C-alpha atoms as a PDB file:
ATOM      1  CA  UNK A   1     -17.640 -43.258  10.729  1.00  0.00           C
ATOM      2  CA  UNK A   2     -16.871 -41.591  14.152  1.00  0.00           C
ATOM      3  CA  UNK A   3     -13.579 -43.387  14.631  1.00  0.00           C
ATOM      4  CA  UNK A   4     -12.465 -42.577  11.042  1.00  0.00           C
ATOM      5  CA  UNK A   5     -13.150 -38.861  11.780  1.00  0.00           C
ATOM      6  CA  UNK A   6     -11.236 -38.925  14.936  1.00  0.00           C
ATOM      7  CA  UNK A   7      -8.306 -40.593  13.100  1.00  0.00           C
ATOM      8  CA  UNK A   8      -8.437 -38.026  10.274  1.00  0.00           C
ATOM      9  CA  UNK A   9      -8.626 -35.055  12.723  1.00  0.00           C
ATOM     10  CA  UNK A  10      -5.550 -36.564  14.485  1.00  0.00           C
ATOM     11  CA  UNK A  11      -3.645 -36.890  11.266  1.00  0.00           C
ATOM     12  CA  UNK A  12      -4.228 -33.356  10.285  1.00  0.00           C
ATOM     13  CA  UNK A  13      -3.594 -31.860  13.667  1.00  0.00           C
ATOM     14  CA  UNK A  14      -0.473 -33.774  14.681  1.00  0.00           C
ATOM     15  CA  UNK A  15       1.547 -32.767  11.458  1.00  0.00           C
ATOM     16  CA  UNK A  16       3.995 -30.022  12.186  1.00  0.00           C
ATOM     17  CA  UNK A  17       3.587 -28.647   8.649  1.00  0.00           C
ATOM     18  CA  UNK A  18      -0.020 -27.868   9.366  1.00  0.00           C
ATOM     19  CA  UNK A  19       0.803 -25.358  12.120  1.00  0.00           C
ATOM     20  CA  UNK A  20       3.868 -23.911  10.305  1.00  0.00           C
ATOM     21  CA  UNK A  21       1.688 -23.159   7.203  1.00  0.00           C
ATOM     22  CA  UNK A  22      -1.250 -21.671   9.119  1.00  0.00           C
ATOM     23  CA  UNK A  23       1.074 -19.470  11.236  1.00  0.00           C
ATOM     24  CA  UNK A  24       2.962 -18.242   8.193  1.00  0.00           C
ATOM     25  CA  UNK A  25      -0.346 -17.458   6.478  1.00  0.00           C
ATOM     26  CA  UNK A  26      -1.788 -15.599   9.334  1.00  0.00           C
ATOM     27  CA  UNK A  27       1.371 -13.752   9.901  1.00  0.00           C
ATOM     28  CA  UNK A  28       1.719 -12.566   6.273  1.00  0.00           C
ATOM     29  CA  UNK A  29      -1.924 -11.510   6.205  1.00  0.00           C
ATOM     30  CA  UNK A  30      -1.790  -9.666   9.423  1.00  0.00           C
ATOM     31  CA  UNK A  31       1.580  -7.983   8.732  1.00  0.00           C
ATOM     32  CA  UNK A  32       0.710  -6.787   5.157  1.00  0.00           C
ATOM     33  CA  UNK A  33      -2.802  -5.606   6.340  1.00  0.00           C
ATOM     34  CA  UNK A  34      -1.230  -3.606   8.976  1.00  0.00           C
ATOM     35  CA  UNK A  35       1.234  -2.047   6.499  1.00  0.00           C
ATOM     36  CA  UNK A  36      -1.412  -1.474   3.912  1.00  0.00           C
ATOM     37  CA  UNK A  37      -3.801   0.326   6.282  1.00  0.00           C
ATOM     38  CA  UNK A  38      -2.082   3.736   6.180  1.00  0.00           C
ATOM     39  CA  UNK A  39      -2.642   7.416   5.463  1.00  0.00           C
ATOM     40  CA  UNK A  40      -2.191   8.680   1.970  1.00  0.00           C
ATOM     41  CA  UNK A  41       0.279  11.380   1.180  1.00  0.00           C
ATOM     42  CA  UNK A  42      -0.049  13.596  -1.845  1.00  0.00           C
ATOM     43  CA  UNK A  43       1.265  16.927  -3.197  1.00  0.00           C
ATOM     44  CA  UNK A  44      -0.942  20.021  -3.413  1.00  0.00           C
ATOM     45  CA  UNK A  45      -0.102  23.298  -5.051  1.00  0.00           C
ATOM     46  CA  UNK A  46      -0.447  26.262  -2.676  1.00  0.00           C
ATOM     47  CA  UNK A  47       0.986  29.016  -4.858  1.00  0.00           C
ATOM     48  CA  UNK A  48       2.355  29.858  -8.310  1.00  0.00           C
ATOM     49  CA  UNK A  49       0.750  30.994 -11.571  1.00  0.00           C
ATOM     50  CA  UNK A  50       0.001  28.948 -14.629  1.00  0.00           C
ATOM     51  CA  UNK A  51       0.064  30.650 -18.035  1.00  0.00           C
ATOM     52  CA  UNK A  52      -1.208  29.546 -21.455  1.00  0.00           C
ATOM     53  CA  UNK A  53       1.653  29.284 -23.950  1.00  0.00           C
ATOM     54  CA  UNK A  54       1.190  28.864 -27.639  1.00  0.00           C
ATOM     55  CA  UNK A  55       2.995  26.056 -29.285  1.00  0.00           C
ATOM     56  CA  UNK A  56       4.501  25.989 -32.899  1.00  0.00           C
ATOM     57  CA  UNK A  57       1.595  23.945 -34.108  1.00  0.00           C
ATOM     58  CA  UNK A  58      -0.961  26.505 -33.092  1.00  0.00           C
ATOM     59  CA  UNK A  59      -2.155  24.809 -29.971  1.00  0.00           C
ATOM     60  CA  UNK A  60      -1.821  26.126 -26.427  1.00  0.00           C
ATOM     61  CA  UNK A  61      -0.479  24.392 -23.412  1.00  0.00           C
ATOM     62  CA  UNK A  62      -0.622  25.405 -19.634  1.00  0.00           C
ATOM     63  CA  UNK A  63       2.779  25.852 -18.094  1.00  0.00           C
ATOM     64  CA  UNK A  64       4.051  27.289 -14.834  1.00  0.00           C
ATOM     65  CA  UNK A  65       4.845  30.998 -15.000  1.00  0.00           C
ATOM     66  CA  UNK A  66       8.725  31.235 -14.665  1.00  0.00           C
ATOM     67  CA  UNK A  67       8.258  34.515 -12.752  1.00  0.00           C
ATOM     68  CA  UNK A  68       6.164  32.906 -10.143  1.00  0.00           C
ATOM     69  CA  UNK A  69       7.036  29.118  -9.881  1.00  0.00           C
ATOM     70  CA  UNK A  70       4.569  26.877  -8.212  1.00  0.00           C
ATOM     71  CA  UNK A  71       5.034  25.776  -4.597  1.00  0.00           C
ATOM     72  CA  UNK A  72       3.830  22.420  -3.428  1.00  0.00           C
ATOM     73  CA  UNK A  73       3.154  21.106   0.053  1.00  0.00           C
ATOM     74  CA  UNK A  74       2.796  17.501   1.140  1.00  0.00           C
ATOM     75  CA  UNK A  75      -0.680  16.673   2.636  1.00  0.00           C
ATOM     76  CA  UNK A  76      -1.839  13.542   4.378  1.00  0.00           C
ATOM     77  CA  UNK A  77      -5.221  12.067   3.957  1.00  0.00           C
ATOM     78  CA  UNK A  78      -6.067  10.207   7.114  1.00  0.00           C
ATOM     79  CA  UNK A  79      -9.725   9.368   6.256  1.00  0.00           C
ATOM     80  CA  UNK A  80      -9.915   5.893   4.911  1.00  0.00           C
ATOM     81  CA  UNK A  81     -12.399   4.795   2.307  1.00  0.00           C
ATOM     82  CA  UNK A  82     -15.484   3.156   3.652  1.00  0.00           C
ATOM     83  CA  UNK A  83     -14.669  -0.073   1.800  1.00  0.00           C
ATOM     84  CA  UNK A  84     -11.029  -0.420   3.371  1.00  0.00           C
ATOM     85  CA  UNK A  85     -11.804  -3.193   5.644  1.00  0.00           C
ATOM     86  CA  UNK A  86     -13.668  -5.035   2.924  1.00  0.00           C
ATOM     87  CA  UNK A  87     -10.654  -4.611   0.642  1.00  0.00           C
ATOM     88  CA  UNK A  88      -8.269  -5.877   3.305  1.00  0.00           C
ATOM     89  CA  UNK A  89     -10.466  -8.967   3.800  1.00  0.00           C
ATOM     90  CA  UNK A  90     -10.552  -9.555   0.010  1.00  0.00           C
ATOM     91  CA  UNK A  91      -6.976  -9.325  -0.290  1.00  0.00           C
ATOM     92  CA  UNK A  92      -6.048 -11.233   2.878  1.00  0.00           C
ATOM     93  CA  UNK A  93      -8.367 -14.199   3.009  1.00  0.00           C
ATOM     94  CA  UNK A  94      -7.312 -15.645  -0.426  1.00  0.00           C
ATOM     95  CA  UNK A  95      -3.724 -15.665   0.783  1.00  0.00           C
ATOM     96  CA  UNK A  96      -4.663 -17.791   3.811  1.00  0.00           C
ATOM     97  CA  UNK A  97      -6.870 -19.973   1.648  1.00  0.00           C
ATOM     98  CA  UNK A  98      -3.902 -20.886  -0.521  1.00  0.00           C
ATOM     99  CA  UNK A  99      -2.028 -22.151   2.400  1.00  0.00           C
ATOM    100  CA  UNK A 100      -4.912 -23.980   3.847  1.00  0.00           C
ATOM    101  CA  UNK A 101      -5.394 -25.758   0.563  1.00  0.00           C
ATOM    102  CA  UNK A 102      -1.705 -26.770   0.577  1.00  0.00           C
ATOM    103  CA  UNK A 103      -2.331 -28.237   4.015  1.00  0.00           C
ATOM    104  CA  UNK A 104      -5.451 -30.173   2.724  1.00  0.00           C
ATOM    105  CA  UNK A 105      -3.461 -31.442  -0.233  1.00  0.00           C
ATOM    106  CA  UNK A 106      -0.634 -32.636   2.001  1.00  0.00           C
ATOM    107  CA  UNK A 107      -3.245 -34.344   4.329  1.00  0.00           C
ATOM    108  CA  UNK A 108      -4.482 -36.414   1.564  1.00  0.00           C
ATOM    109  CA  UNK A 109      -1.309 -36.914  -0.490  1.00  0.00           C
ATOM    110  CA  UNK A 110       0.613 -38.306   2.595  1.00  0.00           C
ATOM    111  CA  UNK A 111      -1.787 -41.150   2.609  1.00  0.00           C
ATOM    112  CA  UNK A 112      -0.659 -42.250  -0.853  1.00  0.00           C
ATOM    113  CA  UNK A 113       2.911 -41.203  -0.353  1.00  0.00           C
ATOM    114  CA  UNK A 114       3.439 -43.158   2.721  1.00  0.00           C
ATOM    115  CA  UNK A 115       1.097 -45.936   1.791  1.00  0.00           C
ATOM    116  CA  UNK A 116      -1.054 -45.549   4.880  1.00  0.00           C
ATOM    117  CA  UNK A 117      -4.191 -45.409   2.626  1.00  0.00           C
ATOM    118  CA  UNK A 118      -4.397 -49.173   2.657  1.00  0.00           C
ATOM    119  CA  UNK A 119      -4.675 -49.235   6.502  1.00  0.00           C
ATOM    120  CA  UNK A 120      -7.067 -46.290   6.416  1.00  0.00           C
ATOM    121  CA  UNK A 121      -9.318 -48.239   4.057  1.00  0.00           C
ATOM    122  CA  UNK A 122      -9.187 -51.261   6.279  1.00  0.00           C
ATOM    123  CA  UNK A 123      -9.998 -49.340   9.419  1.00  0.00           C
ATOM    124  CA  UNK A 124     -12.777 -47.472   7.607  1.00  0.00           C
ATOM    125  CA  UNK A 125     -14.273 -50.642   6.158  1.00  0.00           C
ATOM    126  CA  UNK A 126     -16.003 -48.817   3.299  1.00  0.00           C
ATOM    127  CA  UNK A 127     -14.318 -46.484   0.919  1.00  0.00           C
ATOM    128  CA  UNK A 128     -17.039 -43.854   0.800  1.00  0.00           C
ATOM    129  CA  UNK A 129     -16.747 -43.553   4.487  1.00  0.00           C
ATOM    130  CA  UNK A 130     -13.018 -42.725   4.300  1.00  0.00           C
ATOM    131  CA  UNK A 131     -13.700 -40.139   1.459  1.00  0.00           C
ATOM    132  CA  UNK A 132     -16.548 -38.542   3.424  1.00  0.00           C
ATOM    133  CA  UNK A 133     -14.332 -38.225   6.522  1.00  0.00           C
ATOM    134  CA  UNK A 134     -11.612 -36.653   4.434  1.00  0.00           C
ATOM    135  CA  UNK A 135     -14.246 -34.231   3.096  1.00  0.00           C
ATOM    136  CA  UNK A 136     -15.599 -33.361   6.528  1.00  0.00           C
ATOM    137  CA  UNK A 137     -12.223 -32.864   8.187  1.00  0.00           C
ATOM    138  CA  UNK A 138     -10.932 -30.814   5.349  1.00  0.00           C
ATOM    139  CA  UNK A 139     -14.058 -28.484   5.321  1.00  0.00           C
ATOM    140  CA  UNK A 140     -13.837 -28.145   9.103  1.00  0.00           C
ATOM    141  CA  UNK A 141     -10.280 -27.151   9.026  1.00  0.00           C
ATOM    142  CA  UNK A 142     -10.714 -24.737   6.131  1.00  0.00           C
ATOM    143  CA  UNK A 143     -13.764 -23.164   7.910  1.00  0.00           C
ATOM    144  CA  UNK A 144     -11.844 -22.614  11.215  1.00  0.00           C
ATOM    145  CA  UNK A 145      -8.709 -21.170   9.582  1.00  0.00           C
ATOM    146  CA  UNK A 146     -10.835 -18.867   7.322  1.00  0.00           C
ATOM    147  CA  UNK A 147     -12.571 -17.446  10.443  1.00  0.00           C
ATOM    148  CA  UNK A 148      -9.326 -16.946  12.029  1.00  0.00           C
ATOM    149  CA  UNK A 149      -7.995 -15.150   8.922  1.00  0.00           C
ATOM    150  CA  UNK A 150     -11.024 -12.792   9.088  1.00  0.00           C
ATOM    151  CA  UNK A 151     -10.557 -12.149  12.601  1.00  0.00           C
ATOM    152  CA  UNK A 152      -6.845 -11.595  12.201  1.00  0.00           C
ATOM    153  CA  UNK A 153      -7.337  -9.186   9.224  1.00  0.00           C
ATOM    154  CA  UNK A 154     -10.081  -7.227  11.043  1.00  0.00           C
ATOM    155  CA  UNK A 155      -7.862  -6.918  14.124  1.00  0.00           C
ATOM    156  CA  UNK A 156      -4.951  -5.762  12.149  1.00  0.00           C
ATOM    157  CA  UNK A 157      -7.000  -3.112  10.295  1.00  0.00           C
ATOM    158  CA  UNK A 158      -8.409  -1.711  13.543  1.00  0.00           C
ATOM    159  CA  UNK A 159      -4.955  -1.859  15.195  1.00  0.00           C
ATOM    160  CA  UNK A 160      -3.597   0.297  12.289  1.00  0.00           C
ATOM    161  CA  UNK A 161      -6.376   2.746  12.459  1.00  0.00           C
ATOM    162  CA  UNK A 162      -5.820   3.262  16.257  1.00  0.00           C
ATOM    163  CA  UNK A 163      -2.049   3.349  16.149  1.00  0.00           C
ATOM    164  CA  UNK A 164      -1.719   5.473  13.037  1.00  0.00           C
ATOM    165  CA  UNK A 165      -4.492   7.937  13.990  1.00  0.00           C
ATOM    166  CA  UNK A 166      -6.748   7.137  11.019  1.00  0.00           C
ATOM    167  CA  UNK A 167     -10.484   7.518  10.487  1.00  0.00           C
ATOM    168  CA  UNK A 168     -12.725   4.755   9.171  1.00  0.00           C
ATOM    169  CA  UNK A 169     -16.451   5.612   8.293  1.00  0.00           C
ATOM    170  CA  UNK A 170     -19.291   3.575   9.884  1.00  0.00           C
ATOM    171  CA  UNK A 171     -19.292   0.032   8.657  1.00  0.00           C
ATOM    172  CA  UNK A 172     -22.993  -0.586   8.095  1.00  0.00           C
ATOM    173  CA  UNK A 173     -22.509  -3.539   5.752  1.00  0.00           C
ATOM    174  CA  UNK A 174     -24.060  -6.940   5.826  1.00  0.00           C
ATOM    175  CA  UNK A 175     -21.187  -8.666   7.380  1.00  0.00           C
ATOM    176  CA  UNK A 176     -22.924 -12.110   7.602  1.00  0.00           C
ATOM    177  CA  UNK A 177     -23.269 -11.924   3.798  1.00  0.00           C
ATOM    178  CA  UNK A 178     -19.581 -10.760   3.405  1.00  0.00           C
ATOM    179  CA  UNK A 179     -18.358 -13.584   5.733  1.00  0.00           C
ATOM    180  CA  UNK A 180     -20.410 -16.153   3.764  1.00  0.00           C
ATOM    181  CA  UNK A 181     -18.870 -15.125   0.490  1.00  0.00           C
ATOM    182  CA  UNK A 182     -15.335 -15.340   1.846  1.00  0.00           C
ATOM    183  CA  UNK A 183     -16.046 -18.731   3.534  1.00  0.00           C
ATOM    184  CA  UNK A 184     -17.479 -19.896   0.318  1.00  0.00           C
ATOM    185  CA  UNK A 185     -14.500 -18.928  -1.601  1.00  0.00           C
ATOM    186  CA  UNK A 186     -12.152 -20.647   0.859  1.00  0.00           C
ATOM    187  CA  UNK A 187     -14.210 -23.951   0.914  1.00  0.00           C
ATOM    188  CA  UNK A 188     -14.612 -23.879  -2.822  1.00  0.00           C
ATOM    189  CA  UNK A 189     -10.780 -23.560  -3.422  1.00  0.00           C
ATOM    190  CA  UNK A 190      -9.924 -26.082  -0.736  1.00  0.00           C
ATOM    191  CA  UNK A 191     -12.332 -28.709  -1.750  1.00  0.00           C
ATOM    192  CA  UNK A 192     -11.256 -28.322  -5.463  1.00  0.00           C
ATOM    193  CA  UNK A 193      -7.604 -28.956  -4.369  1.00  0.00           C
ATOM    194  CA  UNK A 194      -8.781 -31.997  -2.220  1.00  0.00           C
ATOM    195  CA  UNK A 195     -10.556 -33.417  -5.263  1.00  0.00           C
ATOM    196  CA  UNK A 196      -7.502 -32.997  -7.534  1.00  0.00           C
ATOM    197  CA  UNK A 197      -5.093 -34.605  -5.062  1.00  0.00           C
ATOM    198  CA  UNK A 198      -7.430 -37.523  -4.431  1.00  0.00           C
ATOM    199  CA  UNK A 199      -7.762 -37.952  -8.181  1.00  0.00           C
ATOM    200  CA  UNK A 200      -4.078 -37.688  -9.294  1.00  0.00           C
ATOM    201  CA  UNK A 201      -2.646 -39.205  -6.014  1.00  0.00           C
ATOM    202  CA  UNK A 202       0.745 -37.506  -6.436  1.00  0.00           C
ATOM    203  CA  UNK A 203       2.035 -34.786  -3.982  1.00  0.00           C
ATOM    204  CA  UNK A 204       3.988 -32.824  -6.650  1.00  0.00           C
ATOM    205  CA  UNK A 205       1.135 -32.797  -9.145  1.00  0.00           C
ATOM    206  CA  UNK A 206      -1.389 -31.949  -6.606  1.00  0.00           C
ATOM    207  CA  UNK A 207       0.544 -28.956  -5.144  1.00  0.00           C
ATOM    208  CA  UNK A 208       1.488 -27.783  -8.631  1.00  0.00           C
ATOM    209  CA  UNK A 209      -2.111 -28.040  -9.760  1.00  0.00           C
ATOM    210  CA  UNK A 210      -3.372 -25.454  -7.211  1.00  0.00           C
ATOM    211  CA  UNK A 211      -0.868 -22.940  -8.565  1.00  0.00           C
ATOM    212  CA  UNK A 212      -0.824 -23.696 -12.216  1.00  0.00           C
ATOM    213  CA  UNK A 213      -4.636 -24.082 -12.842  1.00  0.00           C
ATOM    214  CA  UNK A 214      -5.559 -20.498 -11.749  1.00  0.00           C
ATOM    215  CA  UNK A 215      -2.762 -19.250 -14.026  1.00  0.00           C
ATOM    216  CA  UNK A 216      -4.140 -21.138 -16.932  1.00  0.00           C
ATOM    217  CA  UNK A 217      -7.669 -19.900 -16.065  1.00  0.00           C
ATOM    218  CA  UNK A 218      -6.469 -16.317 -16.150  1.00  0.00           C
ATOM    219  CA  UNK A 219      -4.786 -16.901 -19.508  1.00  0.00           C
ATOM    220  CA  UNK A 220      -8.006 -18.432 -20.881  1.00  0.00           C
ATOM    221  CA  UNK A 221      -9.920 -15.522 -19.476  1.00  0.00           C
ATOM    222  CA  UNK A 222      -7.850 -13.048 -21.381  1.00  0.00           C
ATOM    223  CA  UNK A 223      -8.376 -14.992 -24.571  1.00  0.00           C
ATOM    224  CA  UNK A 224     -12.151 -15.055 -23.916  1.00  0.00           C
ATOM    225  CA  UNK A 225     -12.118 -11.366 -23.207  1.00  0.00           C
ATOM    226  CA  UNK A 226     -10.747 -10.695 -26.549  1.00  0.00           C
ATOM    227  CA  UNK A 227     -13.803 -12.424 -28.007  1.00  0.00           C
ATOM    228  CA  UNK A 228     -16.146 -10.412 -25.688  1.00  0.00           C
ATOM    229  CA  UNK A 229     -16.892 -13.308 -23.550  1.00  0.00           C
ATOM    230  CA  UNK A 230     -16.909 -12.667 -19.610  1.00  0.00           C
ATOM    231  CA  UNK A 231     -14.642 -15.285 -18.029  1.00  0.00           C
ATOM    232  CA  UNK A 232     -16.563 -15.350 -14.740  1.00  0.00           C
ATOM    233  CA  UNK A 233     -19.533 -16.910 -16.835  1.00  0.00           C
ATOM    234  CA  UNK A 234     -17.392 -19.746 -18.209  1.00  0.00           C
ATOM    235  CA  UNK A 235     -14.260 -20.487 -16.147  1.00  0.00           C
ATOM    236  CA  UNK A 236     -14.087 -22.016 -12.713  1.00  0.00           C
ATOM    237  CA  UNK A 237     -11.378 -19.987 -11.005  1.00  0.00           C
ATOM    238  CA  UNK A 238     -12.616 -16.688 -12.516  1.00  0.00           C
ATOM    239  CA  UNK A 239     -16.046 -17.528 -11.204  1.00  0.00           C
ATOM    240  CA  UNK A 240     -14.543 -18.259  -7.763  1.00  0.00           C
ATOM    241  CA  UNK A 241     -12.726 -14.958  -7.856  1.00  0.00           C
ATOM    242  CA  UNK A 242     -16.044 -13.230  -8.588  1.00  0.00           C
ATOM    243  CA  UNK A 243     -17.339 -14.682  -5.321  1.00  0.00           C
ATOM    244  CA  UNK A 244     -14.511 -13.204  -3.361  1.00  0.00           C
ATOM    245  CA  UNK A 245     -14.577  -9.939  -5.288  1.00  0.00           C
ATOM    246  CA  UNK A 246     -16.242  -7.876  -2.499  1.00  0.00           C
ATOM    247  CA  UNK A 247     -15.141  -4.412  -3.446  1.00  0.00           C
ATOM    248  CA  UNK A 248     -16.961  -4.495  -6.883  1.00  0.00           C
ATOM    249  CA  UNK A 249     -20.202  -5.018  -5.267  1.00  0.00           C
ATOM    250  CA  UNK A 250     -19.733  -2.307  -2.368  1.00  0.00           C
ATOM    251  CA  UNK A 251     -18.044   0.344  -4.480  1.00  0.00           C
ATOM    252  CA  UNK A 252     -20.029   2.283  -7.104  1.00  0.00           C
ATOM    253  CA  UNK A 253     -19.087   1.138 -10.657  1.00  0.00           C
ATOM    254  CA  UNK A 254     -19.407   3.029 -13.905  1.00  0.00           C
ATOM    255  CA  UNK A 255     -21.235   1.326 -16.720  1.00  0.00           C
ATOM    256  CA  UNK A 256     -19.625   0.791 -20.011  1.00  0.00           C
ATOM    257  CA  UNK A 257     -19.919   3.955 -22.258  1.00  0.00           C
ATOM    258  CA  UNK A 258     -19.198   2.326 -25.581  1.00  0.00           C
ATOM    259  CA  UNK A 259     -22.748   1.611 -26.280  1.00  0.00           C
ATOM    260  CA  UNK A 260     -22.359  -2.179 -26.182  1.00  0.00           C
ATOM    261  CA  UNK A 261     -24.995  -3.829 -24.049  1.00  0.00           C
ATOM    262  CA  UNK A 262     -24.264  -7.528 -24.697  1.00  0.00           C
ATOM    263  CA  UNK A 263     -24.833  -9.289 -21.423  1.00  0.00           C
ATOM    264  CA  UNK A 264     -21.887 -11.602 -22.124  1.00  0.00           C
ATOM    265  CA  UNK A 265     -19.574  -8.650 -21.519  1.00  0.00           C
ATOM    266  CA  UNK A 266     -20.825  -7.920 -18.108  1.00  0.00           C
ATOM    267  CA  UNK A 267     -19.362 -10.050 -15.055  1.00  0.00           C
ATOM    268  CA  UNK A 268     -21.561 -12.725 -13.808  1.00  0.00           C
ATOM    269  CA  UNK A 269     -23.637 -12.121 -10.687  1.00  0.00           C
ATOM    270  CA  UNK A 270     -22.383 -13.620  -7.442  1.00  0.00           C
ATOM    271  CA  UNK A 271     -25.276 -16.176  -7.798  1.00  0.00           C
ATOM    272  CA  UNK A 272     -24.407 -16.974 -11.360  1.00  0.00           C
ATOM    273  CA  UNK A 273     -20.696 -17.264 -10.601  1.00  0.00           C
ATOM    274  CA  UNK A 274     -21.419 -19.619  -7.773  1.00  0.00           C
ATOM    275  CA  UNK A 275     -23.408 -21.855 -10.034  1.00  0.00           C
ATOM    276  CA  UNK A 276     -20.735 -21.981 -12.610  1.00  0.00           C
ATOM    277  CA  UNK A 277     -18.048 -22.865 -10.109  1.00  0.00           C
ATOM    278  CA  UNK A 278     -20.332 -25.524  -8.495  1.00  0.00           C
ATOM    279  CA  UNK A 279     -20.875 -27.128 -11.860  1.00  0.00           C
ATOM    280  CA  UNK A 280     -17.049 -27.677 -12.085  1.00  0.00           C
ATOM    281  CA  UNK A 281     -16.698 -28.723  -8.475  1.00  0.00           C
ATOM    282  CA  UNK A 282     -19.480 -31.291  -8.517  1.00  0.00           C
ATOM    283  CA  UNK A 283     -18.339 -32.723 -12.030  1.00  0.00           C
ATOM    284  CA  UNK A 284     -14.775 -33.059 -10.631  1.00  0.00           C
ATOM    285  CA  UNK A 285     -15.932 -34.610  -7.364  1.00  0.00           C
ATOM    286  CA  UNK A 286     -18.164 -37.177  -9.280  1.00  0.00           C
ATOM    287  CA  UNK A 287     -15.106 -38.183 -11.291  1.00  0.00           C
ATOM    288  CA  UNK A 288     -13.045 -38.376  -8.169  1.00  0.00           C
ATOM    289  CA  UNK A 289     -15.504 -40.336  -6.186  1.00  0.00           C
ATOM    290  CA  UNK A 290     -16.044 -42.993  -8.835  1.00  0.00           C
ATOM    291  CA  UNK A 291     -12.216 -43.269  -9.239  1.00  0.00           C
ATOM    292  CA  UNK A 292     -11.579 -43.544  -5.455  1.00  0.00           C
ATOM    293  CA  UNK A 293     -14.374 -46.206  -5.028  1.00  0.00           C
ATOM    294  CA  UNK A 294     -13.051 -48.318  -7.927  1.00  0.00           C
ATOM    295  CA  UNK A 295      -9.246 -47.820  -8.130  1.00  0.00           C
ATOM    296  CA  UNK A 296      -6.877 -49.908  -6.066  1.00  0.00           C
ATOM    297  CA  UNK A 297      -5.476 -48.428  -2.774  1.00  0.00           C
ATOM    298  CA  UNK A 298      -2.044 -48.002  -4.425  1.00  0.00           C
END
């Protein structure tokens, strides 16, 4: 097992595409986090009168007084919302997760594409050892890159605050809980991608799946919503997005005012969404596991 792990770590860390994709992902996240952390400018009226004018249909409308036109000045709000850092993490980490999932898919797909899987299976002696090694190496890689993404996003946010002279309120959140949710999202998405590529054994199909399936999930979610069914309670990627949806849980939300209290219309809790996604992930990995152990190497 140890020799198989060393071999797999060597495979994922000696491929140029691994570093290219990771660098691109971290750069994009850092760059757009810095740009997005900025002061907000808005127009404020400082003078001028507003008169009530009667319309032909009998109603009245507020309009500027032509004898005293309004004057506006541009003001800048430099006080960021308390949830700004959380919002940046929520937007940045999934981008990095997509790139790391592509790396994991390539890591497994190259075994089949270049027919090195036969030698890997011979060296590992047992198929389940090879598969466990792939899982362990992929999970470790995803964890490390996700922690880097959290660090880079946080650094970019505070760099923007310092350089642009912004103000961020005290961050008295449970950061261990926040980090665990982001890491859970990344691991869930990445391991789902690994299961798909191991099952289909085709590079093109594997890469396409990690882009197409979330889109199909969103379409299905819209259809379910029309039937008053919350997608986070039924669909895997919607449930996974609920796990990474941090701002919803840290920003005050208004409850529905239409008088409908059907629980199916309310988003799943984080625990409930995690359970839904795990059902899909475990079921897919059971199919993948049996398929990998019984199918030919080619």
